[in-house]
Protein backbone atom coordinates (compact mmCIF):
# COMPACT_ATOMS: atom_id res chain seq x y z
CA MET A 1 -7.44 2.32 -9.79
CA LYS A 2 -5.47 2.13 -13.02
CA VAL A 3 -3.04 -0.74 -13.09
CA LEU A 4 0.28 -0.06 -14.80
CA LYS A 5 0.78 -2.01 -18.00
CA ARG A 6 4.09 -3.41 -19.18
CA GLY A 7 4.46 -0.51 -21.65
CA ASP A 8 4.02 2.02 -18.83
CA VAL A 9 6.78 0.38 -16.82
CA VAL A 10 9.12 0.36 -19.84
CA GLU A 11 8.42 4.05 -20.46
CA ASP A 12 9.05 4.80 -16.78
CA VAL A 13 12.40 3.00 -16.88
CA LYS A 14 13.40 5.21 -19.82
CA ILE A 15 12.32 8.35 -17.96
CA VAL A 16 14.27 7.31 -14.85
CA GLU A 17 17.31 6.70 -17.05
CA LEU A 18 17.01 10.28 -18.35
CA TYR A 19 17.14 11.48 -14.73
CA TRP A 20 20.25 9.38 -14.12
CA GLN A 21 21.84 10.93 -17.21
CA ARG A 22 20.85 14.37 -15.79
CA ASN A 23 18.99 15.01 -19.03
CA GLU A 24 16.41 17.78 -18.56
CA GLN A 25 14.10 15.99 -20.98
CA ALA A 26 13.25 13.76 -17.99
CA LEU A 27 11.30 16.66 -16.50
CA SER A 28 9.24 17.32 -19.62
CA GLU A 29 8.55 13.58 -20.08
CA THR A 30 7.46 13.32 -16.44
CA LYS A 31 5.17 16.32 -16.75
CA LEU A 32 3.70 15.05 -20.00
CA LYS A 33 2.96 11.58 -18.63
CA TYR A 34 2.14 12.32 -14.97
CA GLY A 35 1.39 16.04 -14.73
CA ARG A 36 -2.40 15.64 -14.46
CA PHE A 37 -1.96 12.78 -11.98
CA CYS A 38 0.29 14.86 -9.70
CA ASN A 39 -1.86 17.95 -9.99
CA SER A 40 -5.04 16.04 -9.15
CA ILE A 41 -3.49 14.65 -5.95
CA ALA A 42 -2.29 18.11 -4.91
CA PHE A 43 -5.63 19.72 -5.73
CA ARG A 44 -7.65 17.18 -3.72
CA ILE A 45 -5.49 17.91 -0.69
CA LEU A 46 -5.01 21.65 -1.09
CA GLU A 47 -8.34 22.55 -2.72
CA ASN A 48 -6.64 25.46 -4.47
CA LYS A 49 -5.51 25.47 -8.13
CA CYS A 50 -2.59 27.84 -7.62
CA ASP A 51 -1.26 25.88 -4.62
CA ALA A 52 -1.72 22.61 -6.51
CA ASP A 53 0.24 23.96 -9.49
CA GLU A 54 3.07 25.08 -7.19
CA CYS A 55 3.10 21.70 -5.47
CA GLU A 56 3.26 19.94 -8.81
CA SER A 57 6.29 22.07 -9.75
CA ASP A 58 7.91 21.38 -6.38
CA THR A 59 7.41 17.68 -7.06
CA TYR A 60 9.46 17.85 -10.26
CA LEU A 61 12.25 19.67 -8.42
CA LYS A 62 12.24 17.08 -5.64
CA VAL A 63 12.33 14.23 -8.17
CA TRP A 64 15.22 15.91 -10.01
CA ASN A 65 17.11 16.23 -6.71
CA THR A 66 16.46 12.65 -5.57
CA ILE A 67 17.02 10.70 -8.80
CA PRO A 68 19.86 9.80 -8.58
CA PRO A 69 20.70 8.38 -6.04
CA LYS A 70 17.22 6.81 -5.88
CA LYS A 71 16.06 4.61 -8.73
CA PRO A 72 12.32 4.02 -8.27
CA GLU A 73 10.87 0.93 -9.89
CA LEU A 74 7.41 2.51 -10.18
CA LEU A 75 7.76 6.16 -11.13
CA LYS A 76 4.03 6.87 -10.77
CA THR A 77 4.01 5.61 -7.18
CA TYR A 78 7.18 7.56 -6.40
CA LEU A 79 5.70 10.77 -7.83
CA GLY A 80 2.41 10.19 -6.02
CA ALA A 81 4.15 9.82 -2.67
CA ILE A 82 6.24 12.95 -3.21
CA VAL A 83 3.36 15.18 -4.35
CA ARG A 84 1.15 13.87 -1.54
CA ASN A 85 3.79 14.57 1.12
CA LEU A 86 4.57 18.02 -0.28
CA SER A 87 0.85 18.84 -0.38
CA LEU A 88 0.31 17.63 3.17
CA ASP A 89 3.27 19.69 4.38
CA ARG A 90 1.92 22.76 2.59
CA ILE A 91 -1.58 22.38 4.02
CA ARG A 92 -0.25 21.79 7.54
CA LYS A 93 1.71 25.03 7.34
CA LYS A 94 -1.15 26.92 5.72
CA ASN A 95 -3.81 25.64 8.09
CA ALA A 96 -1.87 25.62 11.34
CA GLN A 97 -4.63 27.73 12.90
CA LYS A 98 -7.66 26.24 11.17
CA ARG A 99 -8.87 22.73 10.44
CA GLY A 100 -11.19 21.36 7.80
CA GLY A 101 -11.57 19.81 4.39
CA GLU A 102 -11.58 16.25 3.10
CA MET A 103 -8.01 15.62 4.23
CA GLU A 104 -8.78 16.36 7.87
CA LEU A 105 -11.99 14.35 7.76
CA SER A 106 -10.25 11.37 6.13
CA LEU A 107 -7.38 11.41 8.59
CA SER A 108 -9.69 11.68 11.59
CA GLU A 109 -11.65 8.62 10.34
CA LEU A 110 -8.46 6.62 9.96
CA GLU A 111 -7.02 7.82 13.26
CA GLN A 112 -9.96 6.24 15.10
CA CYS A 113 -8.98 2.86 13.73
CA VAL A 114 -5.22 3.21 14.23
CA SER A 115 -4.98 4.93 17.59
CA GLU A 116 -8.39 5.32 19.24
CA ASN A 117 -7.62 6.28 22.89
CA LYS A 118 -4.52 4.13 22.74
CA SER A 119 -1.07 4.95 21.58
CA VAL A 120 0.96 2.88 19.22
CA SER A 121 3.82 1.25 21.17
CA GLY A 122 6.93 3.37 21.26
CA ASP A 123 9.02 0.54 19.84
CA ILE A 124 6.98 0.31 16.62
CA GLU A 125 8.47 2.63 14.09
CA ALA A 126 6.31 4.45 11.57
CA GLY A 127 7.91 2.38 8.81
CA GLU A 128 6.90 -0.86 10.51
CA LEU A 129 3.32 0.37 10.87
CA ALA A 130 3.31 1.35 7.19
CA ARG A 131 4.58 -2.15 6.29
CA MET A 132 1.76 -3.71 8.30
CA ILE A 133 -0.86 -1.52 6.64
CA SER A 134 0.56 -2.36 3.19
CA ALA A 135 0.41 -6.07 3.99
CA PHE A 136 -3.18 -5.63 5.17
CA LEU A 137 -4.13 -3.81 1.95
CA GLU A 138 -2.60 -6.55 -0.21
CA GLU A 139 -5.00 -9.06 1.38
CA LEU A 140 -8.12 -7.00 0.64
CA PRO A 141 -10.33 -7.60 -2.39
CA GLU A 142 -9.36 -5.19 -5.19
CA LYS A 143 -12.44 -2.91 -5.02
CA GLU A 144 -12.25 -2.65 -1.24
CA CYS A 145 -8.56 -1.78 -1.43
CA ASP A 146 -9.17 0.79 -4.18
CA VAL A 147 -11.96 2.50 -2.22
CA PHE A 148 -9.77 2.57 0.91
CA LEU A 149 -6.84 4.09 -1.01
CA CYS A 150 -9.07 6.65 -2.73
CA ARG A 151 -10.28 7.86 0.66
CA TYR A 152 -7.15 7.68 2.80
CA TRP A 153 -4.30 8.10 0.33
CA TYR A 154 -5.81 10.36 -2.34
CA PHE A 155 -8.39 12.04 -0.04
CA TYR A 156 -11.35 11.62 -2.38
CA SER A 157 -14.66 12.72 -0.91
CA ILE A 158 -17.38 10.10 -0.37
CA LYS A 159 -19.25 11.69 -3.29
CA ASP A 160 -16.23 11.36 -5.60
CA ILE A 161 -15.66 7.73 -4.60
CA SER A 162 -19.34 6.99 -5.20
CA ALA A 163 -19.14 8.49 -8.68
CA ARG A 164 -15.87 6.74 -9.49
CA PHE A 165 -17.10 3.25 -8.55
CA GLY A 166 -20.82 3.64 -9.21
CA PHE A 167 -21.71 2.97 -5.56
CA GLY A 168 -24.18 4.86 -3.41
CA GLY A 169 -22.76 7.07 -0.68
CA SER A 170 -24.11 4.74 2.04
CA LYS A 171 -22.35 1.76 0.49
CA VAL A 172 -19.05 3.64 0.36
CA LYS A 173 -19.37 4.74 3.98
CA MET A 174 -20.21 1.20 5.11
CA MET A 175 -17.36 -0.28 3.06
CA LEU A 176 -14.90 2.18 4.61
CA LEU A 177 -16.22 1.51 8.12
CA ARG A 178 -15.86 -2.25 7.68
CA THR A 179 -12.39 -1.91 6.20
CA ARG A 180 -11.27 0.31 9.10
CA GLU A 181 -12.61 -2.29 11.52
CA LYS A 182 -10.73 -5.04 9.68
CA LEU A 183 -7.57 -2.91 9.82
CA ARG A 184 -8.02 -2.31 13.53
CA LYS A 185 -8.46 -6.03 14.17
CA TYR A 186 -5.46 -6.84 11.98
CA LEU A 187 -3.28 -4.36 13.89
CA GLU A 188 -4.47 -5.79 17.21
CA GLU A 189 -3.52 -9.30 16.02
CA GLU A 190 -0.10 -7.96 15.01
CA GLY A 191 0.34 -6.64 18.55
CA VAL A 192 0.18 -2.95 17.73
CA PHE A 193 -2.51 -2.40 20.36
CA ILE A 194 -2.30 -3.76 23.89
């Protein structure tokens, strides 16, 4: 995964300031810097260029409508979360009758580790679970964390992850299996599972 450099953060602060000033240049700067990033997330989820392009555009509108009052510290992360959520919403609506694709496969793999035949306690909010998963990911070695995020956040296929990291498909599958098991154990220790 690409780590943001100091210059990227400075540029992002300037872009966010343009949003706060309600300067439409913020949109063109965002598209110039993060357009391919947003579109690639949407395309991996939606598997359709036209839908991905629409989702990318919807992302800019949502960012325009949410900044202000929000003032994200990491614009790339903020954009990634928005485009991902918009894409997931779109695919859920579009595929209400049918299932399939990398997204469904990735989520079913992760579901086995988070809720396998057990339900998460009613008193644990989704935000608390997300906090626990974030804390878990921070403790992982960098490559293991990156592979996990590629699969379950960005919905890369096993083949794409293999190509990205130079690993064989079997290694990627084993790494993901072990990481899911570690996550399951971590959540059990945190009391998520009875």
